[in-house]
Amino acid sequence: MSWLAIALLACAVVVVAAAEWPRLDARFGLERRRTRDRARRKASLHVVKSDDDEFIASVQRDLEGLPTYDPSEKH
């Protein structure tokens, strides 16, 4: 093979890789790794259901203690 054929083949490989990069990156790249890691973390989570009245009362106290803003009130 001549050097020209090798150069053209190398250019063709670079062009194909550049054209397919977004698809390859989505499948094998950093975003796919983040997706797998997030799925792994989510798999270990679970919902805690409780009818704890003390918790509800605590949330109510916290909400009542928050500062409020009334736009019609003049300062």
PDB file of N, CA and C in Angstrom:
ATOM      1  N   MET A   1       0.843  -1.185   0.000  1.00  0.00           N
ATOM      2  CA  MET A   1       0.000   0.000   0.000  1.00  0.00           C
ATOM      3  C   MET A   1       0.880   1.237   0.000  1.00  0.00           C
ATOM      4  N   SER A   2       0.427   2.202  -0.692  1.00  0.00           N
ATOM      5  CA  SER A   2       1.202   3.432  -0.744  1.00  0.00           C
ATOM      6  C   SER A   2       0.861   4.315   0.452  1.00  0.00           C
ATOM      7  N   TRP A   3       1.684   5.292   0.692  1.00  0.00           N
ATOM      8  CA  TRP A   3       1.461   6.189   1.829  1.00  0.00           C
ATOM      9  C   TRP A   3       0.183   6.994   1.641  1.00  0.00           C
ATOM     10  N   LEU A   4      -0.201   7.270   0.404  1.00  0.00           N
ATOM     11  CA  LEU A   4      -1.426   8.017   0.125  1.00  0.00           C
ATOM     12  C   LEU A   4      -2.662   7.207   0.526  1.00  0.00           C
ATOM     13  N   ALA A   5      -2.657   5.934   0.227  1.00  0.00           N
ATOM     14  CA  ALA A   5      -3.780   5.075   0.597  1.00  0.00           C
ATOM     15  C   ALA A   5      -3.892   4.969   2.120  1.00  0.00           C
ATOM     16  N   ILE A   6      -2.775   4.874   2.798  1.00  0.00           N
ATOM     17  CA  ILE A   6      -2.777   4.793   4.263  1.00  0.00           C
ATOM     18  C   ILE A   6      -3.287   6.096   4.858  1.00  0.00           C
ATOM     19  N   ALA A   7      -2.876   7.224   4.300  1.00  0.00           N
ATOM     20  CA  ALA A   7      -3.331   8.525   4.787  1.00  0.00           C
ATOM     21  C   ALA A   7      -4.834   8.687   4.574  1.00  0.00           C
ATOM     22  N   LEU A   8      -5.322   8.285   3.398  1.00  0.00           N
ATOM     23  CA  LEU A   8      -6.761   8.370   3.131  1.00  0.00           C
ATOM     24  C   LEU A   8      -7.556   7.456   4.054  1.00  0.00           C
ATOM     25  N   LEU A   9      -7.048   6.276   4.318  1.00  0.00           N
ATOM     26  CA  LEU A   9      -7.714   5.351   5.236  1.00  0.00           C
ATOM     27  C   LEU A   9      -7.749   5.927   6.642  1.00  0.00           C
ATOM     28  N   ALA A  10      -6.655   6.533   7.071  1.00  0.00           N
ATOM     29  CA  ALA A  10      -6.617   7.160   8.397  1.00  0.00           C
ATOM     30  C   ALA A  10      -7.602   8.321   8.471  1.00  0.00           C
ATOM     31  N   CYS A  11      -7.687   9.119   7.427  1.00  0.00           N
ATOM     32  CA  CYS A  11      -8.651  10.233   7.402  1.00  0.00           C
ATOM     33  C   CYS A  11     -10.079   9.707   7.447  1.00  0.00           C
ATOM     34  N   ALA A  12     -10.351   8.631   6.750  1.00  0.00           N
ATOM     35  CA  ALA A  12     -11.695   8.048   6.757  1.00  0.00           C
ATOM     36  C   ALA A  12     -12.055   7.550   8.159  1.00  0.00           C
ATOM     37  N   VAL A  13     -11.105   6.936   8.836  1.00  0.00           N
ATOM     38  CA  VAL A  13     -11.348   6.465  10.198  1.00  0.00           C
ATOM     39  C   VAL A  13     -11.631   7.638  11.123  1.00  0.00           C
ATOM     40  N   VAL A  14     -10.895   8.724  10.986  1.00  0.00           N
ATOM     41  CA  VAL A  14     -11.103   9.914  11.814  1.00  0.00           C
ATOM     42  C   VAL A  14     -12.480  10.521  11.539  1.00  0.00           C
ATOM     43  N   VAL A  15     -12.887  10.590  10.289  1.00  0.00           N
ATOM     44  CA  VAL A  15     -14.188  11.165   9.940  1.00  0.00           C
ATOM     45  C   VAL A  15     -15.317  10.313  10.504  1.00  0.00           C
ATOM     46  N   VAL A  16     -15.228   9.012  10.379  1.00  0.00           N
ATOM     47  CA  VAL A  16     -16.271   8.120  10.907  1.00  0.00           C
ATOM     48  C   VAL A  16     -16.324   8.221  12.430  1.00  0.00           C
ATOM     49  N   ALA A  17     -15.186   8.250  13.067  1.00  0.00           N
ATOM     50  CA  ALA A  17     -15.163   8.369  14.533  1.00  0.00           C
ATOM     51  C   ALA A  17     -15.758   9.703  14.979  1.00  0.00           C
ATOM     52  N   ALA A  18     -15.472  10.780  14.266  1.00  0.00           N
ATOM     53  CA  ALA A  18     -16.029  12.088  14.618  1.00  0.00           C
ATOM     54  C   ALA A  18     -17.537  12.116  14.410  1.00  0.00           C
ATOM     55  N   ALA A  19     -18.014  11.470  13.352  1.00  0.00           N
ATOM     56  CA  ALA A  19     -19.449  11.449  13.075  1.00  0.00           C
ATOM     57  C   ALA A  19     -20.205  10.609  14.097  1.00  0.00           C
ATOM     58  N   GLU A  20     -19.603   9.543  14.564  1.00  0.00           N
ATOM     59  CA  GLU A  20     -20.269   8.633  15.500  1.00  0.00           C
ATOM     60  C   GLU A  20     -19.976   8.964  16.959  1.00  0.00           C
ATOM     61  N   TRP A  21     -19.195  10.000  17.222  1.00  0.00           N
ATOM     62  CA  TRP A  21     -18.791  10.309  18.590  1.00  0.00           C
ATOM     63  C   TRP A  21     -19.962  10.525  19.555  1.00  0.00           C
ATOM     64  N   PRO A  22     -20.991  11.304  19.202  1.00  0.00           N
ATOM     65  CA  PRO A  22     -22.096  11.495  20.162  1.00  0.00           C
ATOM     66  C   PRO A  22     -22.777  10.178  20.555  1.00  0.00           C
ATOM     67  N   ARG A  23     -22.969   9.305  19.594  1.00  0.00           N
ATOM     68  CA  ARG A  23     -23.608   8.023  19.886  1.00  0.00           C
ATOM     69  C   ARG A  23     -22.692   7.137  20.732  1.00  0.00           C
ATOM     70  N   LEU A  24     -21.427   7.118  20.416  1.00  0.00           N
ATOM     71  CA  LEU A  24     -20.480   6.317  21.188  1.00  0.00           C
ATOM     72  C   LEU A  24     -20.312   6.881  22.598  1.00  0.00           C
ATOM     73  N   ASP A  25     -20.298   8.200  22.715  1.00  0.00           N
ATOM     74  CA  ASP A  25     -20.154   8.824  24.024  1.00  0.00           C
ATOM     75  C   ASP A  25     -21.364   8.534  24.907  1.00  0.00           C
ATOM     76  N   ALA A  26     -22.561   8.548  24.321  1.00  0.00           N
ATOM     77  CA  ALA A  26     -23.766   8.253  25.094  1.00  0.00           C
ATOM     78  C   ALA A  26     -23.765   6.808  25.583  1.00  0.00           C
ATOM     79  N   ARG A  27     -23.199   5.903  24.804  1.00  0.00           N
ATOM     80  CA  ARG A  27     -23.207   4.492  25.176  1.00  0.00           C
ATOM     81  C   ARG A  27     -22.052   4.115  26.108  1.00  0.00           C
ATOM     82  N   PHE A  28     -20.879   4.690  25.883  1.00  0.00           N
ATOM     83  CA  PHE A  28     -19.694   4.260  26.629  1.00  0.00           C
ATOM     84  C   PHE A  28     -19.034   5.368  27.432  1.00  0.00           C
ATOM     85  N   GLY A  29     -19.464   6.598  27.270  1.00  0.00           N
ATOM     86  CA  GLY A  29     -18.750   7.727  27.837  1.00  0.00           C
ATOM     87  C   GLY A  29     -19.130   8.067  29.261  1.00  0.00           C
ATOM     88  N   LEU A  30     -18.796   9.283  29.630  1.00  0.00           N
ATOM     89  CA  LEU A  30     -18.980   9.773  30.986  1.00  0.00           C
ATOM     90  C   LEU A  30     -20.454   9.836  31.374  1.00  0.00           C
ATOM     91  N   GLU A  31     -21.315  10.241  30.450  1.00  0.00           N
ATOM     92  CA  GLU A  31     -22.750  10.338  30.756  1.00  0.00           C
ATOM     93  C   GLU A  31     -23.331   8.963  31.086  1.00  0.00           C
ATOM     94  N   ARG A  32     -22.921   7.948  30.375  1.00  0.00           N
ATOM     95  CA  ARG A  32     -23.407   6.590  30.651  1.00  0.00           C
ATOM     96  C   ARG A  32     -22.937   6.134  32.030  1.00  0.00           C
ATOM     97  N   ARG A  33     -21.712   6.476  32.382  1.00  0.00           N
ATOM     98  CA  ARG A  33     -21.195   6.109  33.694  1.00  0.00           C
ATOM     99  C   ARG A  33     -21.994   6.804  34.789  1.00  0.00           C
ATOM    100  N   ARG A  34     -22.313   8.080  34.593  1.00  0.00           N
ATOM    101  CA  ARG A  34     -23.133   8.799  35.571  1.00  0.00           C
ATOM    102  C   ARG A  34     -24.507   8.156  35.705  1.00  0.00           C
ATOM    103  N   THR A  35     -25.081   7.753  34.582  1.00  0.00           N
ATOM    104  CA  THR A  35     -26.396   7.116  34.601  1.00  0.00           C
ATOM    105  C   THR A  35     -26.345   5.798  35.375  1.00  0.00           C
ATOM    106  N   ARG A  36     -25.323   5.000  35.144  1.00  0.00           N
ATOM    107  CA  ARG A  36     -25.181   3.731  35.866  1.00  0.00           C
ATOM    108  C   ARG A  36     -24.980   3.967  37.356  1.00  0.00           C
ATOM    109  N   ASP A  37     -24.121   4.946  37.703  1.00  0.00           N
ATOM    110  CA  ASP A  37     -23.875   5.241  39.118  1.00  0.00           C
ATOM    111  C   ASP A  37     -25.147   5.721  39.803  1.00  0.00           C
ATOM    112  N   ARG A  38     -25.913   6.559  39.126  1.00  0.00           N
ATOM    113  CA  ARG A  38     -27.158   7.072  39.700  1.00  0.00           C
ATOM    114  C   ARG A  38     -28.167   5.938  39.889  1.00  0.00           C
ATOM    115  N   ALA A  39     -28.263   5.057  38.907  1.00  0.00           N
ATOM    116  CA  ALA A  39     -29.176   3.918  39.026  1.00  0.00           C
ATOM    117  C   ALA A  39     -28.759   3.014  40.184  1.00  0.00           C
ATOM    118  N   ARG A  40     -27.470   2.828  40.370  1.00  0.00           N
ATOM    119  CA  ARG A  40     -26.975   1.996  41.463  1.00  0.00           C
ATOM    120  C   ARG A  40     -27.307   2.623  42.817  1.00  0.00           C
ATOM    121  N   ARG A  41     -27.146   3.958  42.917  1.00  0.00           N
ATOM    122  CA  ARG A  41     -27.480   4.644  44.167  1.00  0.00           C
ATOM    123  C   ARG A  41     -28.980   4.599  44.433  1.00  0.00           C
ATOM    124  N   LYS A  42     -29.779   4.792  43.395  1.00  0.00           N
ATOM    125  CA  LYS A  42     -31.225   4.791  43.571  1.00  0.00           C
ATOM    126  C   LYS A  42     -31.741   3.413  43.975  1.00  0.00           C
ATOM    127  N   ALA A  43     -31.080   2.366  43.532  1.00  0.00           N
ATOM    128  CA  ALA A  43     -31.525   1.011  43.856  1.00  0.00           C
ATOM    129  C   ALA A  43     -31.436   0.741  45.353  1.00  0.00           C
ATOM    130  N   SER A  44     -30.542   1.428  46.042  1.00  0.00           N
ATOM    131  CA  SER A  44     -30.385   1.177  47.475  1.00  0.00           C
ATOM    132  C   SER A  44     -31.310   2.049  48.323  1.00  0.00           C
ATOM    133  N   LEU A  45     -32.044   2.964  47.705  1.00  0.00           N
ATOM    134  CA  LEU A  45     -32.949   3.822  48.451  1.00  0.00           C
ATOM    135  C   LEU A  45     -34.289   3.127  48.675  1.00  0.00           C
ATOM    136  N   HIS A  46     -34.947   3.494  49.749  1.00  0.00           N
ATOM    137  CA  HIS A  46     -36.287   2.968  49.993  1.00  0.00           C
ATOM    138  C   HIS A  46     -37.117   4.036  50.701  1.00  0.00           C
ATOM    139  N   VAL A  47     -38.408   3.971  50.506  1.00  0.00           N
ATOM    140  CA  VAL A  47     -39.325   4.936  51.083  1.00  0.00           C
ATOM    141  C   VAL A  47     -39.699   4.483  52.488  1.00  0.00           C
ATOM    142  N   VAL A  48     -39.594   5.413  53.419  1.00  0.00           N
ATOM    143  CA  VAL A  48     -39.966   5.112  54.790  1.00  0.00           C
ATOM    144  C   VAL A  48     -41.356   5.706  55.021  1.00  0.00           C
ATOM    145  N   LYS A  49     -42.312   4.849  55.330  1.00  0.00           N
ATOM    146  CA  LYS A  49     -43.667   5.309  55.588  1.00  0.00           C
ATOM    147  C   LYS A  49     -43.913   5.259  57.081  1.00  0.00           C
ATOM    148  N   SER A  50     -44.491   6.334  57.574  1.00  0.00           N
ATOM    149  CA  SER A  50     -44.728   6.394  59.006  1.00  0.00           C
ATOM    150  C   SER A  50     -45.951   7.259  59.260  1.00  0.00           C
ATOM    151  N   ASP A  51     -46.727   6.894  60.262  1.00  0.00           N
ATOM    152  CA  ASP A  51     -47.869   7.698  60.691  1.00  0.00           C
ATOM    153  C   ASP A  51     -47.536   8.345  62.021  1.00  0.00           C
ATOM    154  N   ASP A  52     -46.298   8.768  62.143  1.00  0.00           N
ATOM    155  CA  ASP A  52     -45.815   9.315  63.394  1.00  0.00           C
ATOM    156  C   ASP A  52     -46.394  10.716  63.614  1.00  0.00           C
ATOM    157  N   ASP A  53     -47.265  10.855  64.603  1.00  0.00           N
ATOM    158  CA  ASP A  53     -47.896  12.143  64.890  1.00  0.00           C
ATOM    159  C   ASP A  53     -46.883  13.160  65.410  1.00  0.00           C
ATOM    160  N   GLU A  54     -45.863  12.712  66.099  1.00  0.00           N
ATOM    161  CA  GLU A  54     -44.848  13.631  66.611  1.00  0.00           C
ATOM    162  C   GLU A  54     -44.101  14.308  65.459  1.00  0.00           C
ATOM    163  N   PHE A  55     -43.818  13.534  64.416  1.00  0.00           N
ATOM    164  CA  PHE A  55     -43.149  14.106  63.260  1.00  0.00           C
ATOM    165  C   PHE A  55     -44.038  15.149  62.584  1.00  0.00           C
ATOM    166  N   ILE A  56     -45.288  14.845  62.420  1.00  0.00           N
ATOM    167  CA  ILE A  56     -46.231  15.783  61.798  1.00  0.00           C
ATOM    168  C   ILE A  56     -46.330  17.060  62.628  1.00  0.00           C
ATOM    169  N   ALA A  57     -46.417  16.918  63.943  1.00  0.00           N
ATOM    170  CA  ALA A  57     -46.487  18.088  64.816  1.00  0.00           C
ATOM    171  C   ALA A  57     -45.197  18.902  64.724  1.00  0.00           C
ATOM    172  N   SER A  58     -44.064  18.235  64.614  1.00  0.00           N
ATOM    173  CA  SER A  58     -42.784  18.926  64.501  1.00  0.00           C
ATOM    174  C   SER A  58     -42.725  19.742  63.211  1.00  0.00           C
ATOM    175  N   VAL A  59     -43.194  19.161  62.122  1.00  0.00           N
ATOM    176  CA  VAL A  59     -43.201  19.881  60.848  1.00  0.00           C
ATOM    177  C   VAL A  59     -44.133  21.081  60.938  1.00  0.00           C
ATOM    178  N   GLN A  60     -45.290  20.908  61.559  1.00  0.00           N
ATOM    179  CA  GLN A  60     -46.223  22.028  61.717  1.00  0.00           C
ATOM    180  C   GLN A  60     -45.585  23.156  62.524  1.00  0.00           C
ATOM    181  N   ARG A  61     -44.886  22.816  63.612  1.00  0.00           N
ATOM    182  CA  ARG A  61     -44.211  23.836  64.415  1.00  0.00           C
ATOM    183  C   ARG A  61     -43.148  24.563  63.605  1.00  0.00           C
ATOM    184  N   ASP A  62     -42.404  23.807  62.811  1.00  0.00           N
ATOM    185  CA  ASP A  62     -41.374  24.427  61.980  1.00  0.00           C
ATOM    186  C   ASP A  62     -41.989  25.362  60.950  1.00  0.00           C
ATOM    187  N   LEU A  63     -43.069  24.946  60.328  1.00  0.00           N
ATOM    188  CA  LEU A  63     -43.724  25.791  59.331  1.00  0.00           C
ATOM    189  C   LEU A  63     -44.311  27.053  59.959  1.00  0.00           C
ATOM    190  N   GLU A  64     -44.860  26.936  61.137  1.00  0.00           N
ATOM    191  CA  GLU A  64     -45.423  28.100  61.812  1.00  0.00           C
ATOM    192  C   GLU A  64     -44.330  29.072  62.251  1.00  0.00           C
ATOM    193  N   GLY A  65     -43.134  28.572  62.479  1.00  0.00           N
ATOM    194  CA  GLY A  65     -42.031  29.416  62.923  1.00  0.00           C
ATOM    195  C   GLY A  65     -41.308  30.132  61.801  1.00  0.00           C
ATOM    196  N   LEU A  66     -41.632  29.801  60.554  1.00  0.00           N
ATOM    197  CA  LEU A  66     -40.962  30.449  59.424  1.00  0.00           C
ATOM    198  C   LEU A  66     -41.451  31.880  59.264  1.00  0.00           C
ATOM    199  N   PRO A  67     -40.553  32.780  58.872  1.00  0.00           N
ATOM    200  CA  PRO A  67     -40.992  34.151  58.621  1.00  0.00           C
ATOM    201  C   PRO A  67     -41.876  34.191  57.371  1.00  0.00           C
ATOM    202  N   THR A  68     -42.833  35.091  57.394  1.00  0.00           N
ATOM    203  CA  THR A  68     -43.739  35.219  56.257  1.00  0.00           C
ATOM    204  C   THR A  68     -43.614  36.610  55.664  1.00  0.00           C
ATOM    205  N   TYR A  69     -44.086  36.750  54.477  1.00  0.00           N
ATOM    206  CA  TYR A  69     -44.051  38.027  53.772  1.00  0.00           C
ATOM    207  C   TYR A  69     -45.452  38.306  53.247  1.00  0.00           C
ATOM    208  N   ASP A  70     -45.991  39.440  53.621  1.00  0.00           N
ATOM    209  CA  ASP A  70     -47.300  39.859  53.148  1.00  0.00           C
ATOM    210  C   ASP A  70     -47.105  41.103  52.295  1.00  0.00           C
ATOM    211  N   PRO A  71     -47.292  41.020  50.982  1.00  0.00           N
ATOM    212  CA  PRO A  71     -47.018  42.160  50.118  1.00  0.00           C
ATOM    213  C   PRO A  71     -47.977  43.331  50.366  1.00  0.00           C
ATOM    214  N   SER A  72     -49.145  43.070  50.932  1.00  0.00           N
ATOM    215  CA  SER A  72     -50.075  44.172  51.179  1.00  0.00           C
ATOM    216  C   SER A  72     -49.742  44.935  52.455  1.00  0.00           C
ATOM    217  N   GLU A  73     -48.885  44.367  53.285  1.00  0.00           N
ATOM    218  CA  GLU A  73     -48.511  45.006  54.540  1.00  0.00           C
ATOM    219  C   GLU A  73     -47.489  46.104  54.279  1.00  0.00           C
ATOM    220  N   LYS A  74     -47.747  47.302  54.803  1.00  0.00           N
ATOM    221  CA  LYS A  74     -46.851  48.442  54.636  1.00  0.00           C
ATOM    222  C   LYS A  74     -45.886  48.500  55.822  1.00  0.00           C
ATOM    223  N   HIS A  75     -44.636  48.787  55.539  1.00  0.00           N
ATOM    224  CA  HIS A  75     -43.637  48.887  56.611  1.00  0.00           C
ATOM    225  C   HIS A  75     -43.373  50.308  56.963  1.00  0.00           C
TER     226      HIS A  75
END
